[in-house]
Amino acid sequence: MQRRIIIDTDPGLDDAVAILLALAAADELEVVGIVAVPGNLPLAQTERNARRICELAGRSDILVHAGCARPLLRSVTTAELIHAETGGDKLLSFEPTMPLQVQHGVDFLIEALRAAEPGTITLCALGPLTNIAVMIAKAPEVASKIRELVIMGGAGFELGNVSPAAEFNIHVDPHAAAIVVESGVPITMIPLDVTHRLLSTPERLAELQALGNRCGEAVSALLSAFEKNRRASTSAQPMALHDPAVIAYLLRPALYDGRDVNVAIETQSPLTIGMTVVDWWGVTGRKPNVRYLNTVDAEGFYELLTEKLARLP
């Protein structure tokens, strides 16, 4: 039986790979829709890229909506130096022909959850949590309809990648993240502790390139561009692959392990704003609110990614 998912995303090169993986697993995942959020790129680019990715996969039937244009209380922060394509890797430069849906992305989320049976829709958050937080604030009753919210975000033992304390997605909109983790929604968090183990080595990229299909070649090129941009602009963990870990978790949860802990979001300190304060040892006595993953079978992950992408055109 297919698991019904909605992807909230800011594509973004690794987001593109995550969306392609979800579309490649059509026998296991039904993508109800995609909602764009600013993060890696401004909203106008993330919604356009989401439509481009769907067309690349031959899935122009997917509904793509634009969500909120900025974080709740902060100005937009992007990672355009890392997520812009380079040189000959202009795989997402064509103008999509599939339309952007008129309905606001937050309203789509609310409507889809209201119409669904409780516990039948999983939300996949690949970017900042702005849209999810606004949805909860606008229609708090839909929170109980969510089967699971799987977040790529946060950092515990690995520390931050955009500040010494904070991971990018949480740092962009920490106030939204605080609302979400305190909402009571069943949350699984896939932090840098996991994604820094998922290294897109040259050997793994060569296997994707060797698939011989359009999407395999595209993913290899996108991740090569991702790494090239990252080396030029940051000292963050080289070759780490982030957002596809969310989709792989839905497909093969046994690849991951973690524990139920309390996670709080720092929203005040200029030094540590956006930090995910992970009570790994239970020292605060606060009730667990997140299933926090910290290990992954990297070989199994890349085998899954390669196997699924081989099914796309």
Protein backbone atom coordinates (compact mmCIF):
# COMPACT_ATOMS: atom_id res chain seq x y z
CA MET A 1 0.00 0.00 0.00
CA GLN A 2 1.34 3.40 -0.98
CA ARG A 3 2.23 5.89 1.73
CA ARG A 4 0.71 9.31 0.94
CA ILE A 5 3.16 12.19 1.30
CA ILE A 6 3.34 15.93 0.77
CA ILE A 7 6.80 17.37 0.19
CA ASP A 8 7.56 20.85 1.57
CA THR A 9 10.81 21.88 -0.06
CA ASP A 10 13.24 24.60 -1.15
CA PRO A 11 14.94 23.11 -4.26
CA GLY A 12 17.97 23.35 -4.25
CA LEU A 13 20.22 20.69 -5.68
CA ASP A 14 19.90 18.01 -3.01
CA ASP A 15 16.15 18.75 -2.75
CA ALA A 16 15.93 17.93 -6.45
CA VAL A 17 17.46 14.51 -5.78
CA ALA A 18 15.01 13.93 -2.92
CA ILE A 19 12.00 14.76 -5.11
CA LEU A 20 13.28 12.49 -7.87
CA LEU A 21 13.73 9.66 -5.38
CA ALA A 22 10.14 10.09 -4.16
CA LEU A 23 8.81 10.08 -7.73
CA ALA A 24 10.93 7.03 -8.55
CA ALA A 25 9.28 5.11 -5.70
CA ALA A 26 5.74 5.46 -7.05
CA ASP A 27 4.92 1.90 -6.00
CA GLU A 28 5.57 2.84 -2.36
CA LEU A 29 4.90 6.59 -2.17
CA GLU A 30 2.03 8.66 -3.50
CA VAL A 31 3.13 12.28 -3.84
CA VAL A 32 -0.08 14.19 -3.10
CA GLY A 33 1.60 17.51 -3.83
CA ILE A 34 4.68 19.67 -3.44
CA VAL A 35 4.82 22.98 -1.59
CA ALA A 36 7.72 25.36 -2.14
CA VAL A 37 9.36 27.48 0.56
CA PRO A 38 12.29 29.90 0.36
CA GLY A 39 15.55 28.65 1.79
CA ASN A 40 18.27 27.40 -0.49
CA LEU A 41 16.88 29.86 -3.07
CA PRO A 42 14.15 32.54 -3.07
CA LEU A 43 10.56 31.34 -3.45
CA ALA A 44 10.24 32.27 -7.14
CA GLN A 45 13.14 29.94 -7.90
CA THR A 46 12.17 27.10 -5.56
CA GLU A 47 8.64 26.79 -6.95
CA ARG A 48 9.96 26.92 -10.49
CA ASN A 49 12.61 24.33 -9.75
CA ALA A 50 10.01 22.03 -8.18
CA ARG A 51 8.05 22.11 -11.44
CA ARG A 52 11.20 21.53 -13.48
CA ILE A 53 12.08 18.47 -11.41
CA CYS A 54 8.63 16.99 -11.90
CA GLU A 55 8.90 17.48 -15.67
CA LEU A 56 12.39 15.95 -15.70
CA ALA A 57 10.87 12.84 -14.10
CA GLY A 58 7.94 12.81 -16.53
CA ARG A 59 5.47 13.67 -13.74
CA SER A 60 3.82 16.91 -14.80
CA ASP A 61 0.65 15.66 -13.08
CA ILE A 62 2.07 16.54 -9.65
CA LEU A 63 0.48 19.60 -8.03
CA VAL A 64 3.06 22.25 -7.13
CA HIS A 65 2.13 25.17 -4.86
CA ALA A 66 4.07 28.20 -3.64
CA GLY A 67 4.00 28.74 0.11
CA CYS A 68 5.14 31.61 2.31
CA ALA A 69 7.62 34.02 0.73
CA ARG A 70 9.68 34.72 3.86
CA PRO A 71 10.39 33.44 7.38
CA LEU A 72 8.05 34.37 10.23
CA LEU A 73 10.18 37.06 11.88
CA ARG A 74 13.49 37.20 10.03
CA SER A 75 14.52 38.30 6.58
CA VAL A 76 15.09 35.68 3.89
CA THR A 77 18.46 33.93 4.03
CA THR A 78 19.44 31.81 1.03
CA ALA A 79 22.34 29.57 -0.04
CA GLU A 80 22.43 30.60 -3.68
CA LEU A 81 26.19 30.23 -3.95
CA ILE A 82 25.85 26.54 -3.15
CA HIS A 83 22.58 25.71 -4.92
CA ALA A 84 23.09 27.51 -8.21
CA GLU A 85 23.96 25.18 -11.07
CA THR A 86 27.29 25.72 -12.76
CA GLY A 87 28.89 25.39 -16.16
CA GLY A 88 27.41 22.63 -18.28
CA ASP A 89 25.18 21.36 -15.46
CA LYS A 90 22.19 23.56 -16.38
CA LEU A 91 19.76 20.72 -15.96
CA LEU A 92 17.09 22.85 -14.33
CA SER A 93 17.43 25.93 -16.52
CA PHE A 94 14.52 25.17 -18.89
CA GLU A 95 11.20 26.92 -18.35
CA PRO A 96 8.62 24.45 -17.02
CA THR A 97 5.37 24.09 -18.93
CA MET A 98 3.35 22.61 -16.05
CA PRO A 99 1.49 25.36 -14.18
CA LEU A 100 2.04 26.59 -10.67
CA GLN A 101 -1.16 26.02 -8.72
CA VAL A 102 -3.03 29.22 -7.82
CA GLN A 103 -3.87 28.08 -4.29
CA HIS A 104 -1.41 29.15 -1.59
CA GLY A 105 0.71 26.27 -0.36
CA VAL A 106 -0.37 26.62 3.26
CA ASP A 107 -4.03 26.47 2.25
CA PHE A 108 -3.29 23.39 0.16
CA LEU A 109 -1.69 21.70 3.18
CA ILE A 110 -4.70 22.52 5.35
CA GLU A 111 -7.21 21.41 2.73
CA ALA A 112 -5.38 18.15 1.99
CA LEU A 113 -5.15 17.23 5.67
CA ARG A 114 -8.77 18.15 6.40
CA ALA A 115 -9.92 15.93 3.54
CA ALA A 116 -7.75 12.98 4.56
CA GLU A 117 -8.47 10.25 7.06
CA PRO A 118 -6.46 10.78 10.26
CA GLY A 119 -2.96 9.36 10.11
CA THR A 120 -2.86 8.89 6.35
CA ILE A 121 -0.63 11.77 5.20
CA THR A 122 3.05 12.17 5.99
CA LEU A 123 4.69 15.58 5.63
CA CYS A 124 8.27 15.64 4.35
CA ALA A 125 10.02 18.89 5.31
CA LEU A 126 13.19 19.37 3.27
CA GLY A 127 13.64 23.09 3.94
CA PRO A 128 12.81 25.74 6.55
CA LEU A 129 9.63 25.00 8.50
CA THR A 130 7.78 28.23 7.73
CA ASN A 131 4.86 26.69 5.84
CA ILE A 132 4.34 23.97 8.44
CA ALA A 133 4.33 26.49 11.29
CA VAL A 134 1.85 28.78 9.55
CA MET A 135 -0.37 25.79 8.80
CA ILE A 136 -0.39 24.83 12.49
CA ALA A 137 -1.11 28.41 13.57
CA LYS A 138 -3.89 28.89 11.01
CA ALA A 139 -5.59 25.50 11.44
CA PRO A 140 -4.30 23.80 14.61
CA GLU A 141 -6.85 21.01 14.30
CA VAL A 142 -5.07 19.54 11.27
CA ALA A 143 -2.01 18.67 13.38
CA SER A 144 -3.84 15.61 14.67
CA LYS A 145 -4.38 14.40 11.09
CA ILE A 146 -0.65 14.12 10.36
CA ARG A 147 0.73 10.58 10.39
CA GLU A 148 4.32 11.76 10.74
CA LEU A 149 6.38 14.86 10.01
CA VAL A 150 9.85 13.91 8.81
CA ILE A 151 12.28 16.83 8.96
CA MET A 152 15.69 17.20 7.42
CA GLY A 153 17.17 19.66 9.84
CA GLY A 154 19.02 20.25 13.05
CA ALA A 155 22.33 19.14 14.45
CA GLY A 156 23.40 17.65 17.75
CA PHE A 157 26.77 15.97 17.92
CA GLU A 158 27.81 17.44 14.54
CA LEU A 159 27.23 21.09 15.53
CA GLY A 160 26.17 23.59 12.84
CA ASN A 161 26.86 24.14 9.16
CA VAL A 162 25.71 27.76 8.83
CA SER A 163 26.84 28.94 12.26
CA PRO A 164 28.89 27.19 14.93
CA ALA A 165 25.63 26.07 16.55
CA ALA A 166 22.91 25.85 13.90
CA GLU A 167 22.00 23.80 10.84
CA PHE A 168 20.79 25.82 7.81
CA ASN A 169 17.11 24.82 7.60
CA ILE A 170 16.43 25.52 11.27
CA HIS A 171 18.57 28.68 11.28
CA VAL A 172 16.63 30.24 8.39
CA ASP A 173 13.38 30.24 10.40
CA PRO A 174 14.03 29.24 14.02
CA HIS A 175 10.72 30.68 15.22
CA ALA A 176 8.84 28.41 12.83
CA ALA A 177 10.90 25.44 13.96
CA ALA A 178 10.09 26.22 17.60
CA ILE A 179 6.34 26.23 16.83
CA VAL A 180 6.60 22.94 14.99
CA VAL A 181 8.58 20.96 17.58
CA GLU A 182 6.21 22.16 20.32
CA SER A 183 3.06 21.29 18.32
CA GLY A 184 2.57 17.70 19.42
CA VAL A 185 2.84 16.40 15.85
CA PRO A 186 4.73 13.06 15.62
CA ILE A 187 8.16 14.21 14.41
CA THR A 188 11.17 12.34 13.10
CA MET A 189 14.25 14.55 12.71
CA ILE A 190 17.10 13.64 10.38
CA PRO A 191 19.96 15.95 11.36
CA LEU A 192 23.50 16.57 10.19
CA ASP A 193 24.50 13.74 12.53
CA VAL A 194 23.01 11.42 9.89
CA THR A 195 23.52 13.28 6.62
CA HIS A 196 27.23 13.84 7.22
CA ARG A 197 27.58 10.06 6.93
CA LEU A 198 25.92 10.01 3.48
CA LEU A 199 28.88 10.91 1.29
CA SER A 200 28.44 11.22 -2.48
CA THR A 201 31.82 9.82 -3.36
CA PRO A 202 33.07 9.79 -6.96
CA GLU A 203 32.43 6.04 -7.05
CA ARG A 204 28.80 6.46 -6.02
CA LEU A 205 28.25 9.26 -8.51
CA ALA A 206 29.74 7.09 -11.24
CA GLU A 207 27.18 4.37 -10.45
CA LEU A 208 24.36 6.90 -10.88
CA GLN A 209 25.87 8.16 -14.13
CA ALA A 210 26.14 4.58 -15.39
CA LEU A 211 22.38 4.02 -15.06
CA GLY A 212 22.15 5.44 -18.57
CA ASN A 213 18.80 7.18 -18.07
CA ARG A 214 18.10 10.89 -18.12
CA CYS A 215 17.43 11.14 -14.38
CA GLY A 216 20.44 9.09 -13.30
CA GLU A 217 22.71 11.31 -15.33
CA ALA A 218 20.90 14.39 -13.98
CA VAL A 219 21.37 13.35 -10.34
CA SER A 220 25.05 12.62 -10.88
CA ALA A 221 25.49 16.05 -12.47
CA LEU A 222 23.43 17.85 -9.82
CA LEU A 223 25.43 16.33 -6.99
CA SER A 224 28.68 17.09 -8.78
CA ALA A 225 27.57 20.73 -9.05
CA PHE A 226 26.51 20.68 -5.39
CA GLU A 227 29.96 19.54 -4.32
CA LYS A 228 31.78 21.97 -6.63
CA ASN A 229 29.80 24.92 -5.27
CA ARG A 230 30.22 23.78 -1.69
CA ARG A 231 34.00 23.46 -1.97
CA ALA A 232 34.16 27.00 -3.34
CA SER A 233 32.04 28.65 -0.66
CA THR A 234 32.14 26.68 2.61
CA SER A 235 34.20 24.39 4.77
CA ALA A 236 31.16 22.23 5.63
CA GLN A 237 31.40 18.43 5.48
CA PRO A 238 32.40 17.57 1.89
CA MET A 239 30.19 15.26 -0.19
CA ALA A 240 27.41 15.08 2.45
CA LEU A 241 23.95 14.47 1.01
CA HIS A 242 21.06 15.84 3.06
CA ASP A 243 17.47 15.96 1.82
CA PRO A 244 17.15 12.55 0.10
CA ALA A 245 17.65 11.03 3.56
CA VAL A 246 14.03 11.94 4.37
CA ILE A 247 12.61 9.99 1.44
CA ALA A 248 14.97 7.06 2.01
CA TYR A 249 13.81 6.91 5.63
CA LEU A 250 10.20 6.52 4.50
CA LEU A 251 11.18 3.76 2.11
CA ARG A 252 13.64 1.88 4.33
CA PRO A 253 13.39 2.99 7.98
CA ALA A 254 15.56 0.04 9.06
CA LEU A 255 18.55 1.87 7.55
CA TYR A 256 18.34 4.39 10.42
CA ASP A 257 18.41 4.39 14.19
CA GLY A 258 17.97 6.96 16.94
CA ARG A 259 15.98 7.63 20.09
CA ASP A 260 13.04 9.63 21.38
CA VAL A 261 14.32 12.84 22.95
CA ASN A 262 13.30 16.38 23.74
CA VAL A 263 14.42 18.95 21.18
CA ALA A 264 14.10 22.68 21.82
CA ILE A 265 14.96 25.48 19.39
CA GLU A 266 17.01 28.51 20.41
CA THR A 267 15.30 31.70 19.20
CA GLN A 268 16.91 34.45 21.29
CA SER A 269 20.70 34.28 21.43
CA PRO A 270 22.59 36.03 18.60
CA LEU A 271 25.37 33.48 19.04
CA THR A 272 23.27 30.32 18.92
CA ILE A 273 19.96 31.23 17.25
CA GLY A 274 18.59 28.24 15.36
CA MET A 275 20.41 25.70 17.51
CA THR A 276 18.58 22.41 18.07
CA VAL A 277 19.07 21.72 21.77
CA VAL A 278 18.96 17.92 21.84
CA ASP A 279 18.46 16.39 25.29
CA TRP A 280 20.11 13.10 24.28
CA TRP A 281 20.72 11.93 27.86
CA GLY A 282 17.39 13.10 29.28
CA VAL A 283 19.00 15.48 31.76
CA THR A 284 16.28 18.15 31.57
CA GLY A 285 13.36 15.90 32.39
CA ARG A 286 11.42 17.46 29.51
CA LYS A 287 9.05 15.16 27.68
CA PRO A 288 10.39 13.68 24.40
CA ASN A 289 8.86 15.42 21.37
CA VAL A 290 11.06 14.15 18.53
CA ARG A 291 12.35 10.84 17.23
CA TYR A 292 15.95 12.00 16.67
CA LEU A 293 18.00 9.84 14.30
CA ASN A 294 21.75 9.66 14.65
CA THR A 295 22.96 6.66 12.62
CA VAL A 296 22.46 5.41 9.07
CA ASP A 297 23.61 2.56 6.84
CA ALA A 298 25.25 4.67 4.13
CA GLU A 299 25.87 1.75 1.76
CA GLY A 300 22.25 0.68 2.03
CA PHE A 301 21.12 4.25 1.41
CA TYR A 302 23.09 4.60 -1.83
CA GLU A 303 22.01 1.16 -3.02
CA LEU A 304 18.39 2.24 -2.51
CA LEU A 305 18.95 5.56 -4.28
CA THR A 306 20.57 3.88 -7.28
CA GLU A 307 17.94 1.14 -7.46
CA LYS A 308 15.01 3.57 -7.41
CA LEU A 309 16.45 6.15 -9.80
CA ALA A 310 16.97 3.41 -12.38
CA ARG A 311 13.15 3.31 -12.75
CA LEU A 312 12.88 6.90 -13.99
CA PRO A 313 13.19 8.01 -17.62
